[in-house]
């Protein structure tokens, strides 16, 4: 006597429907855990964005420190006359006859 799959399904459908529903629900949640709005791919993307933002933050902090050094150099306590002269000439776009100007 051969036992056939479709005959078994027709004879006892609830024995197959409930496991199939369970399998479909499992696939649904597995798919959304990987590809969903809060899934693994989104987690990797957020981590990449955080790394980029930290790089930008480090660059901005370095620029801030450089600006603070320049501000301190122009403060009355530690006034550097050469720095003051250089800044004034650069801002006013003025130079003397014998000055050499090197552009970066």
PDB file of N, CA and C in Angstrom:
ATOM      1  N   UNK A   1       0.838  -1.174   0.000  1.00  0.00           N
ATOM      2  CA  UNK A   1       0.000   0.000   0.000  1.00  0.00           C
ATOM      3  C   UNK A   1       0.889   1.246   0.000  1.00  0.00           C
ATOM      4  N   UNK A   2       0.731   2.049  -1.022  1.00  0.00           N
ATOM      5  CA  UNK A   2       1.530   3.262  -1.139  1.00  0.00           C
ATOM      6  C   UNK A   2       0.812   4.415  -0.460  1.00  0.00           C
ATOM      7  N   UNK A   3       1.613   5.184   0.230  1.00  0.00           N
ATOM      8  CA  UNK A   3       1.065   6.347   0.930  1.00  0.00           C
ATOM      9  C   UNK A   3       1.439   7.573   0.130  1.00  0.00           C
ATOM     10  N   UNK A   4       0.483   8.266  -0.401  1.00  0.00           N
ATOM     11  CA  UNK A   4       0.768   9.408  -1.265  1.00  0.00           C
ATOM     12  C   UNK A   4       0.545  10.717  -0.520  1.00  0.00           C
ATOM     13  N   UNK A   5       1.381  11.659  -0.907  1.00  0.00           N
ATOM     14  CA  UNK A   5       1.402  12.953  -0.211  1.00  0.00           C
ATOM     15  C   UNK A   5       0.063  13.683  -0.343  1.00  0.00           C
ATOM     16  N   UNK A   6      -0.456  13.796  -1.541  1.00  0.00           N
ATOM     17  CA  UNK A   6      -1.696  14.557  -1.746  1.00  0.00           C
ATOM     18  C   UNK A   6      -2.906  13.864  -1.099  1.00  0.00           C
ATOM     19  N   UNK A   7      -2.852  12.601  -1.076  1.00  0.00           N
ATOM     20  CA  UNK A   7      -3.932  11.872  -0.408  1.00  0.00           C
ATOM     21  C   UNK A   7      -3.897  12.133   1.100  1.00  0.00           C
ATOM     22  N   UNK A   8      -2.688  12.228   1.640  1.00  0.00           N
ATOM     23  CA  UNK A   8      -2.547  12.523   3.070  1.00  0.00           C
ATOM     24  C   UNK A   8      -3.049  13.928   3.378  1.00  0.00           C
ATOM     25  N   UNK A   9      -2.752  14.871   2.482  1.00  0.00           N
ATOM     26  CA  UNK A   9      -3.221  16.246   2.690  1.00  0.00           C
ATOM     27  C   UNK A   9      -4.745  16.291   2.627  1.00  0.00           C
ATOM     28  N   UNK A  10      -5.319  15.590   1.690  1.00  0.00           N
ATOM     29  CA  UNK A  10      -6.773  15.578   1.563  1.00  0.00           C
ATOM     30  C   UNK A  10      -7.436  14.874   2.736  1.00  0.00           C
ATOM     31  N   UNK A  11      -6.783  13.871   3.244  1.00  0.00           N
ATOM     32  CA  UNK A  11      -7.364  13.125   4.355  1.00  0.00           C
ATOM     33  C   UNK A  11      -7.283  13.901   5.664  1.00  0.00           C
ATOM     34  N   UNK A  12      -6.161  14.588   5.919  1.00  0.00           N
ATOM     35  CA  UNK A  12      -5.949  15.326   7.183  1.00  0.00           C
ATOM     36  C   UNK A  12      -5.375  16.709   6.876  1.00  0.00           C
ATOM     37  N   UNK A  13      -6.177  17.630   6.382  1.00  0.00           N
ATOM     38  CA  UNK A  13      -5.629  18.939   5.976  1.00  0.00           C
ATOM     39  C   UNK A  13      -5.093  19.767   7.144  1.00  0.00           C
ATOM     40  N   UNK A  14      -5.676  19.638   8.323  1.00  0.00           N
ATOM     41  CA  UNK A  14      -5.217  20.481   9.417  1.00  0.00           C
ATOM     42  C   UNK A  14      -3.821  20.073   9.902  1.00  0.00           C
ATOM     43  N   UNK A  15      -3.408  18.845   9.626  1.00  0.00           N
ATOM     44  CA  UNK A  15      -2.070  18.398  10.001  1.00  0.00           C
ATOM     45  C   UNK A  15      -0.991  19.078   9.144  1.00  0.00           C
ATOM     46  N   UNK A  16      -1.384  19.610   8.014  1.00  0.00           N
ATOM     47  CA  UNK A  16      -0.433  20.266   7.126  1.00  0.00           C
ATOM     48  C   UNK A  16      -0.597  21.783   7.093  1.00  0.00           C
ATOM     49  N   UNK A  17      -1.791  22.261   7.334  1.00  0.00           N
ATOM     50  CA  UNK A  17      -2.046  23.701   7.275  1.00  0.00           C
ATOM     51  C   UNK A  17      -1.353  24.423   8.425  1.00  0.00           C
ATOM     52  N   UNK A  18      -1.458  23.905   9.609  1.00  0.00           N
ATOM     53  CA  UNK A  18      -0.863  24.571  10.768  1.00  0.00           C
ATOM     54  C   UNK A  18       0.669  24.652  10.647  1.00  0.00           C
ATOM     55  N   UNK A  19       1.366  23.579  10.278  1.00  0.00           N
ATOM     56  CA  UNK A  19       2.816  23.716  10.085  1.00  0.00           C
ATOM     57  C   UNK A  19       3.176  24.675   8.944  1.00  0.00           C
ATOM     58  N   UNK A  20       2.387  24.678   7.876  1.00  0.00           N
ATOM     59  CA  UNK A  20       2.659  25.607   6.770  1.00  0.00           C
ATOM     60  C   UNK A  20       2.490  27.050   7.207  1.00  0.00           C
ATOM     61  N   UNK A  21       1.469  27.326   8.005  1.00  0.00           N
ATOM     62  CA  UNK A  21       1.291  28.681   8.534  1.00  0.00           C
ATOM     63  C   UNK A  21       2.482  29.050   9.413  1.00  0.00           C
ATOM     64  N   UNK A  22       2.938  28.121  10.230  1.00  0.00           N
ATOM     65  CA  UNK A  22       4.107  28.370  11.077  1.00  0.00           C
ATOM     66  C   UNK A  22       5.354  28.644  10.259  1.00  0.00           C
ATOM     67  N   UNK A  23       5.552  27.889   9.192  1.00  0.00           N
ATOM     68  CA  UNK A  23       6.714  28.106   8.317  1.00  0.00           C
ATOM     69  C   UNK A  23       6.629  29.458   7.641  1.00  0.00           C
ATOM     70  N   UNK A  24       5.453  29.828   7.142  1.00  0.00           N
ATOM     71  CA  UNK A  24       5.281  31.133   6.484  1.00  0.00           C
ATOM     72  C   UNK A  24       5.524  32.282   7.459  1.00  0.00           C
ATOM     73  N   UNK A  25       5.028  32.151   8.669  1.00  0.00           N
ATOM     74  CA  UNK A  25       5.259  33.200   9.681  1.00  0.00           C
ATOM     75  C   UNK A  25       6.751  33.303   9.995  1.00  0.00           C
ATOM     76  N   UNK A  26       7.416  32.159  10.098  1.00  0.00           N
ATOM     77  CA  UNK A  26       8.865  32.171  10.365  1.00  0.00           C
ATOM     78  C   UNK A  26       9.612  32.868   9.237  1.00  0.00           C
ATOM     79  N   UNK A  27       9.299  32.562   7.980  1.00  0.00           N
ATOM     80  CA  UNK A  27       9.938  33.228   6.847  1.00  0.00           C
ATOM     81  C   UNK A  27       9.646  34.729   6.845  1.00  0.00           C
ATOM     82  N   UNK A  28       8.433  35.093   7.178  1.00  0.00           N
ATOM     83  CA  UNK A  28       8.059  36.513   7.218  1.00  0.00           C
ATOM     84  C   UNK A  28       8.937  37.269   8.219  1.00  0.00           C
ATOM     85  N   UNK A  29       9.023  36.744   9.432  1.00  0.00           N
ATOM     86  CA  UNK A  29       9.823  37.441  10.448  1.00  0.00           C
ATOM     87  C   UNK A  29      11.313  37.390  10.138  1.00  0.00           C
ATOM     88  N   UNK A  30      11.788  36.302   9.563  1.00  0.00           N
ATOM     89  CA  UNK A  30      13.208  36.208   9.195  1.00  0.00           C
ATOM     90  C   UNK A  30      13.543  37.224   8.107  1.00  0.00           C
ATOM     91  N   UNK A  31      12.663  37.356   7.125  1.00  0.00           N
ATOM     92  CA  UNK A  31      12.891  38.330   6.057  1.00  0.00           C
ATOM     93  C   UNK A  31      12.970  39.745   6.621  1.00  0.00           C
ATOM     94  N   UNK A  32      12.033  40.095   7.478  1.00  0.00           N
ATOM     95  CA  UNK A  32      12.006  41.450   8.027  1.00  0.00           C
ATOM     96  C   UNK A  32      13.118  41.682   9.046  1.00  0.00           C
ATOM     97  N   UNK A  33      13.609  40.631   9.670  1.00  0.00           N
ATOM     98  CA  UNK A  33      14.744  40.784  10.577  1.00  0.00           C
ATOM     99  C   UNK A  33      16.019  41.096   9.805  1.00  0.00           C
ATOM    100  N   UNK A  34      16.067  40.688   8.556  1.00  0.00           N
ATOM    101  CA  UNK A  34      17.262  40.943   7.742  1.00  0.00           C
ATOM    102  C   UNK A  34      17.087  42.179   6.869  1.00  0.00           C
ATOM    103  N   UNK A  35      15.992  42.284   6.141  1.00  0.00           N
ATOM    104  CA  UNK A  35      15.811  43.350   5.161  1.00  0.00           C
ATOM    105  C   UNK A  35      14.880  44.464   5.617  1.00  0.00           C
ATOM    106  N   UNK A  36      14.305  44.343   6.762  1.00  0.00           N
ATOM    107  CA  UNK A  36      13.278  45.282   7.191  1.00  0.00           C
ATOM    108  C   UNK A  36      13.826  46.640   7.593  1.00  0.00           C
ATOM    109  N   UNK A  37      12.919  47.500   8.020  1.00  0.00           N
ATOM    110  CA  UNK A  37      13.236  48.860   8.419  1.00  0.00           C
ATOM    111  C   UNK A  37      14.230  48.909   9.584  1.00  0.00           C
ATOM    112  N   UNK A  38      14.184  47.913  10.444  1.00  0.00           N
ATOM    113  CA  UNK A  38      15.106  47.830  11.579  1.00  0.00           C
ATOM    114  C   UNK A  38      15.914  46.538  11.532  1.00  0.00           C
ATOM    115  N   UNK A  39      16.161  46.039  10.333  1.00  0.00           N
ATOM    116  CA  UNK A  39      16.866  44.778  10.158  1.00  0.00           C
ATOM    117  C   UNK A  39      18.373  44.937  10.154  1.00  0.00           C
ATOM    118  N   UNK A  40      19.042  43.855   9.811  1.00  0.00           N
ATOM    119  CA  UNK A  40      20.501  43.831   9.830  1.00  0.00           C
ATOM    120  C   UNK A  40      21.108  44.775   8.793  1.00  0.00           C
ATOM    121  N   UNK A  41      20.535  44.819   7.591  1.00  0.00           N
ATOM    122  CA  UNK A  41      21.084  45.714   6.572  1.00  0.00           C
ATOM    123  C   UNK A  41      20.999  47.175   7.019  1.00  0.00           C
ATOM    124  N   UNK A  42      19.912  47.539   7.650  1.00  0.00           N
ATOM    125  CA  UNK A  42      19.771  48.919   8.150  1.00  0.00           C
ATOM    126  C   UNK A  42      20.769  49.183   9.280  1.00  0.00           C
ATOM    127  N   UNK A  43      21.032  48.172  10.104  1.00  0.00           N
ATOM    128  CA  UNK A  43      22.015  48.314  11.171  1.00  0.00           C
ATOM    129  C   UNK A  43      23.403  48.584  10.592  1.00  0.00           C
ATOM    130  N   UNK A  44      23.773  47.848   9.554  1.00  0.00           N
ATOM    131  CA  UNK A  44      25.067  48.073   8.915  1.00  0.00           C
ATOM    132  C   UNK A  44      25.134  49.471   8.295  1.00  0.00           C
ATOM    133  N   UNK A  45      24.051  49.915   7.700  1.00  0.00           N
ATOM    134  CA  UNK A  45      24.008  51.251   7.095  1.00  0.00           C
ATOM    135  C   UNK A  45      24.139  52.337   8.164  1.00  0.00           C
ATOM    136  N   UNK A  46      23.470  52.157   9.281  1.00  0.00           N
ATOM    137  CA  UNK A  46      23.556  53.140  10.370  1.00  0.00           C
ATOM    138  C   UNK A  46      24.976  53.183  10.931  1.00  0.00           C
ATOM    139  N   UNK A  47      25.610  52.022  11.082  1.00  0.00           N
ATOM    140  CA  UNK A  47      26.992  51.992  11.575  1.00  0.00           C
ATOM    141  C   UNK A  47      27.939  52.706  10.619  1.00  0.00           C
ATOM    142  N   UNK A  48      27.707  52.561   9.308  1.00  0.00           N
ATOM    143  CA  UNK A  48      28.531  53.258   8.323  1.00  0.00           C
ATOM    144  C   UNK A  48      28.327  54.772   8.422  1.00  0.00           C
ATOM    145  N   UNK A  49      27.081  55.198   8.597  1.00  0.00           N
ATOM    146  CA  UNK A  49      26.795  56.625   8.751  1.00  0.00           C
ATOM    147  C   UNK A  49      27.429  57.177  10.020  1.00  0.00           C
ATOM    148  N   UNK A  50      27.440  56.397  11.086  1.00  0.00           N
ATOM    149  CA  UNK A  50      28.076  56.831  12.335  1.00  0.00           C
ATOM    150  C   UNK A  50      29.568  57.005  12.131  1.00  0.00           C
ATOM    151  N   UNK A  51      30.202  56.073  11.416  1.00  0.00           N
ATOM    152  CA  UNK A  51      31.637  56.185  11.144  1.00  0.00           C
ATOM    153  C   UNK A  51      31.947  57.445  10.333  1.00  0.00           C
ATOM    154  N   UNK A  52      31.125  57.730   9.332  1.00  0.00           N
ATOM    155  CA  UNK A  52      31.325  58.938   8.523  1.00  0.00           C
ATOM    156  C   UNK A  52      31.146  60.191   9.379  1.00  0.00           C
ATOM    157  N   UNK A  53      30.143  60.200  10.235  1.00  0.00           N
ATOM    158  CA  UNK A  53      29.904  61.363  11.095  1.00  0.00           C
ATOM    159  C   UNK A  53      31.049  61.554  12.085  1.00  0.00           C
ATOM    160  N   UNK A  54      31.618  60.467  12.594  1.00  0.00           N
ATOM    161  CA  UNK A  54      32.746  60.590  13.513  1.00  0.00           C
ATOM    162  C   UNK A  54      33.978  61.136  12.799  1.00  0.00           C
ATOM    163  N   UNK A  55      34.156  60.768  11.535  1.00  0.00           N
ATOM    164  CA  UNK A  55      35.262  61.311  10.746  1.00  0.00           C
ATOM    165  C   UNK A  55      35.081  62.815  10.549  1.00  0.00           C
ATOM    166  N   UNK A  56      33.882  63.224  10.209  1.00  0.00           N
ATOM    167  CA  UNK A  56      33.600  64.656  10.038  1.00  0.00           C
ATOM    168  C   UNK A  56      33.799  65.397  11.359  1.00  0.00           C
ATOM    169  N   UNK A  57      33.384  64.787  12.458  1.00  0.00           N
ATOM    170  CA  UNK A  57      33.564  65.397  13.774  1.00  0.00           C
ATOM    171  C   UNK A  57      35.042  65.598  14.085  1.00  0.00           C
ATOM    172  N   UNK A  58      35.868  64.592  13.796  1.00  0.00           N
ATOM    173  CA  UNK A  58      37.304  64.709  14.061  1.00  0.00           C
ATOM    174  C   UNK A  58      37.921  65.834  13.236  1.00  0.00           C
ATOM    175  N   UNK A  59      37.529  65.931  11.959  1.00  0.00           N
ATOM    176  CA  UNK A  59      38.043  67.009  11.108  1.00  0.00           C
ATOM    177  C   UNK A  59      37.603  68.378  11.635  1.00  0.00           C
ATOM    178  N   UNK A  60      36.355  68.479  12.057  1.00  0.00           N
ATOM    179  CA  UNK A  60      35.837  69.741  12.574  1.00  0.00           C
ATOM    180  C   UNK A  60      36.529  70.126  13.873  1.00  0.00           C
ATOM    181  N   UNK A  61      36.793  69.151  14.734  1.00  0.00           N
ATOM    182  CA  UNK A  61      37.507  69.433  15.986  1.00  0.00           C
ATOM    183  C   UNK A  61      38.919  69.934  15.695  1.00  0.00           C
ATOM    184  N   UNK A  62      39.566  69.357  14.698  1.00  0.00           N
ATOM    185  CA  UNK A  62      40.906  69.809  14.332  1.00  0.00           C
ATOM    186  C   UNK A  62      40.867  71.244  13.812  1.00  0.00           C
ATOM    187  N   UNK A  63      39.896  71.558  12.973  1.00  0.00           N
ATOM    188  CA  UNK A  63      39.760  72.933  12.481  1.00  0.00           C
ATOM    189  C   UNK A  63      39.478  73.895  13.623  1.00  0.00           C
ATOM    190  N   UNK A  64      38.664  73.460  14.580  1.00  0.00           N
ATOM    191  CA  UNK A  64      38.343  74.292  15.734  1.00  0.00           C
ATOM    192  C   UNK A  64      39.604  74.585  16.553  1.00  0.00           C
ATOM    193  N   UNK A  65      40.441  73.571  16.743  1.00  0.00           N
ATOM    194  CA  UNK A  65      41.672  73.779  17.499  1.00  0.00           C
ATOM    195  C   UNK A  65      42.610  74.748  16.775  1.00  0.00           C
ATOM    196  N   UNK A  66      42.691  74.621  15.455  1.00  0.00           N
ATOM    197  CA  UNK A  66      43.515  75.550  14.682  1.00  0.00           C
ATOM    198  C   UNK A  66      42.999  76.979  14.793  1.00  0.00           C
ATOM    199  N   UNK A  67      41.679  77.144  14.746  1.00  0.00           N
ATOM    200  CA  UNK A  67      41.085  78.486  14.882  1.00  0.00           C
ATOM    201  C   UNK A  67      41.344  79.047  16.282  1.00  0.00           C
ATOM    202  N   UNK A  68      41.232  78.188  17.304  1.00  0.00           N
ATOM    203  CA  UNK A  68      41.504  78.646  18.673  1.00  0.00           C
ATOM    204  C   UNK A  68      42.946  79.096  18.826  1.00  0.00           C
ATOM    205  N   UNK A  69      43.885  78.403  18.173  1.00  0.00           N
ATOM    206  CA  UNK A  69      45.289  78.822  18.219  1.00  0.00           C
ATOM    207  C   UNK A  69      45.452  80.210  17.600  1.00  0.00           C
ATOM    208  N   UNK A  70      44.789  80.434  16.488  1.00  0.00           N
ATOM    209  CA  UNK A  70      44.879  81.744  15.828  1.00  0.00           C
ATOM    210  C   UNK A  70      44.257  82.837  16.695  1.00  0.00           C
ATOM    211  N   UNK A  71      43.139  82.522  17.330  1.00  0.00           N
ATOM    212  CA  UNK A  71      42.479  83.504  18.188  1.00  0.00           C
ATOM    213  C   UNK A  71      43.373  83.832  19.384  1.00  0.00           C
ATOM    214  N   UNK A  72      43.992  82.811  19.972  1.00  0.00           N
ATOM    215  CA  UNK A  72      44.894  83.051  21.103  1.00  0.00           C
ATOM    216  C   UNK A  72      46.094  83.877  20.675  1.00  0.00           C
ATOM    217  N   UNK A  73      46.570  83.655  19.445  1.00  0.00           N
ATOM    218  CA  UNK A  73      47.714  84.431  18.964  1.00  0.00           C
ATOM    219  C   UNK A  73      47.351  85.898  18.790  1.00  0.00           C
ATOM    220  N   UNK A  74      46.086  86.206  18.557  1.00  0.00           N
ATOM    221  CA  UNK A  74      45.653  87.593  18.380  1.00  0.00           C
ATOM    222  C   UNK A  74      45.106  88.198  19.673  1.00  0.00           C
ATOM    223  N   UNK A  75      45.128  87.451  20.768  1.00  0.00           N
ATOM    224  CA  UNK A  75      44.630  87.995  22.032  1.00  0.00           C
ATOM    225  C   UNK A  75      45.637  88.999  22.592  1.00  0.00           C
ATOM    226  N   UNK A  76      45.189  89.971  23.398  1.00  0.00           N
ATOM    227  CA  UNK A  76      46.091  91.016  23.909  1.00  0.00           C
ATOM    228  C   UNK A  76      47.237  90.473  24.775  1.00  0.00           C
ATOM    229  N   UNK A  77      47.023  89.347  25.479  1.00  0.00           N
ATOM    230  CA  UNK A  77      48.072  88.811  26.343  1.00  0.00           C
ATOM    231  C   UNK A  77      49.253  88.278  25.533  1.00  0.00           C
ATOM    232  N   UNK A  78      48.981  87.651  24.414  1.00  0.00           N
ATOM    233  CA  UNK A  78      50.065  87.060  23.624  1.00  0.00           C
ATOM    234  C   UNK A  78      49.956  87.521  22.174  1.00  0.00           C
ATOM    235  N   UNK A  79      49.997  88.790  21.979  1.00  0.00           N
ATOM    236  CA  UNK A  79      49.846  89.358  20.642  1.00  0.00           C
ATOM    237  C   UNK A  79      51.110  89.131  19.836  1.00  0.00           C
ATOM    238  N   UNK A  80      50.980  88.443  18.751  1.00  0.00           N
ATOM    239  CA  UNK A  80      52.091  88.191  17.836  1.00  0.00           C
ATOM    240  C   UNK A  80      51.978  89.221  16.718  1.00  0.00           C
ATOM    241  N   UNK A  81      52.919  90.150  16.674  1.00  0.00           N
ATOM    242  CA  UNK A  81      52.837  91.252  15.713  1.00  0.00           C
ATOM    243  C   UNK A  81      52.945  90.765  14.274  1.00  0.00           C
ATOM    244  N   UNK A  82      53.751  89.736  14.047  1.00  0.00           N
ATOM    245  CA  UNK A  82      53.851  89.200  12.686  1.00  0.00           C
ATOM    246  C   UNK A  82      52.518  88.599  12.231  1.00  0.00           C
ATOM    247  N   UNK A  83      51.864  87.869  13.132  1.00  0.00           N
ATOM    248  CA  UNK A  83      50.564  87.270  12.805  1.00  0.00           C
ATOM    249  C   UNK A  83      49.534  88.368  12.545  1.00  0.00           C
ATOM    250  N   UNK A  84      49.574  89.417  13.354  1.00  0.00           N
ATOM    251  CA  UNK A  84      48.651  90.535  13.171  1.00  0.00           C
ATOM    252  C   UNK A  84      48.889  91.214  11.833  1.00  0.00           C
ATOM    253  N   UNK A  85      50.140  91.429  11.488  1.00  0.00           N
ATOM    254  CA  UNK A  85      50.480  92.065  10.229  1.00  0.00           C
ATOM    255  C   UNK A  85      50.045  91.184   9.051  1.00  0.00           C
ATOM    256  N   UNK A  86      50.320  89.904   9.147  1.00  0.00           N
ATOM    257  CA  UNK A  86      49.959  88.975   8.082  1.00  0.00           C
ATOM    258  C   UNK A  86      48.443  88.909   7.899  1.00  0.00           C
ATOM    259  N   UNK A  87      47.711  88.857   8.992  1.00  0.00           N
ATOM    260  CA  UNK A  87      46.247  88.782   8.904  1.00  0.00           C
ATOM    261  C   UNK A  87      45.679  90.064   8.307  1.00  0.00           C
ATOM    262  N   UNK A  88      46.197  91.187   8.737  1.00  0.00           N
ATOM    263  CA  UNK A  88      45.716  92.467   8.203  1.00  0.00           C
ATOM    264  C   UNK A  88      45.969  92.594   6.720  1.00  0.00           C
ATOM    265  N   UNK A  89      47.143  92.206   6.282  1.00  0.00           N
ATOM    266  CA  UNK A  89      47.458  92.284   4.848  1.00  0.00           C
ATOM    267  C   UNK A  89      46.584  91.328   4.036  1.00  0.00           C
ATOM    268  N   UNK A  90      46.352  90.135   4.572  1.00  0.00           N
ATOM    269  CA  UNK A  90      45.535  89.168   3.845  1.00  0.00           C
ATOM    270  C   UNK A  90      44.101  89.660   3.731  1.00  0.00           C
ATOM    271  N   UNK A  91      43.556  90.192   4.832  1.00  0.00           N
ATOM    272  CA  UNK A  91      42.165  90.644   4.822  1.00  0.00           C
ATOM    273  C   UNK A  91      41.991  91.856   3.924  1.00  0.00           C
ATOM    274  N   UNK A  92      42.920  92.800   4.003  1.00  0.00           N
ATOM    275  CA  UNK A  92      42.806  94.025   3.216  1.00  0.00           C
ATOM    276  C   UNK A  92      43.343  93.873   1.796  1.00  0.00           C
ATOM    277  N   UNK A  93      43.983  92.726   1.515  1.00  0.00           N
ATOM    278  CA  UNK A  93      44.558  92.470   0.200  1.00  0.00           C
ATOM    279  C   UNK A  93      45.570  93.550  -0.166  1.00  0.00           C
ATOM    280  N   UNK A  94      46.482  93.802   0.754  1.00  0.00           N
ATOM    281  CA  UNK A  94      47.492  94.846   0.580  1.00  0.00           C
ATOM    282  C   UNK A  94      48.869  94.213   0.736  1.00  0.00           C
ATOM    283  N   UNK A  95      49.822  94.729   0.029  1.00  0.00           N
ATOM    284  CA  UNK A  95      51.189  94.271   0.163  1.00  0.00           C
ATOM    285  C   UNK A  95      52.141  95.407  -0.161  1.00  0.00           C
ATOM    286  N   UNK A  96      53.377  95.225   0.238  1.00  0.00           N
ATOM    287  CA  UNK A  96      54.379  96.244  -0.078  1.00  0.00           C
ATOM    288  C   UNK A  96      55.019  95.927  -1.419  1.00  0.00           C
ATOM    289  N   UNK A  97      55.853  96.844  -1.894  1.00  0.00           N
ATOM    290  CA  UNK A  97      56.441  96.713  -3.210  1.00  0.00           C
ATOM    291  C   UNK A  97      57.366  95.494  -3.283  1.00  0.00           C
ATOM    292  N   UNK A  98      58.095  95.195  -2.238  1.00  0.00           N
ATOM    293  CA  UNK A  98      59.075  94.107  -2.263  1.00  0.00           C
ATOM    294  C   UNK A  98      58.532  92.799  -1.691  1.00  0.00           C
ATOM    295  N   UNK A  99      57.265  92.680  -1.461  1.00  0.00           N
ATOM    296  CA  UNK A  99      56.688  91.455  -0.883  1.00  0.00           C
ATOM    297  C   UNK A  99      56.521  90.386  -1.959  1.00  0.00           C
ATOM    298  N   UNK A 100      56.803  89.157  -1.580  1.00  0.00           N
ATOM    299  CA  UNK A 100      56.557  87.996  -2.432  1.00  0.00           C
ATOM    300  C   UNK A 100      55.314  87.305  -1.899  1.00  0.00           C
ATOM    301  N   UNK A 101      54.390  87.028  -2.783  1.00  0.00           N
ATOM    302  CA  UNK A 101      53.137  86.386  -2.373  1.00  0.00           C
ATOM    303  C   UNK A 101      53.133  84.966  -2.962  1.00  0.00           C
ATOM    304  N   UNK A 102      52.954  83.993  -2.061  1.00  0.00           N
ATOM    305  CA  UNK A 102      52.908  82.591  -2.468  1.00  0.00           C
ATOM    306  C   UNK A 102      51.514  82.079  -2.161  1.00  0.00           C
ATOM    307  N   UNK A 103      50.807  81.634  -3.208  1.00  0.00           N
ATOM    308  CA  UNK A 103      49.454  81.123  -3.027  1.00  0.00           C
ATOM    309  C   UNK A 103      49.522  79.608  -2.813  1.00  0.00           C
ATOM    310  N   UNK A 104      48.717  79.138  -1.883  1.00  0.00           N
ATOM    311  CA  UNK A 104      48.669  77.701  -1.624  1.00  0.00           C
ATOM    312  C   UNK A 104      47.703  77.059  -2.575  1.00  0.00           C
TER     313      UNK A 104
END
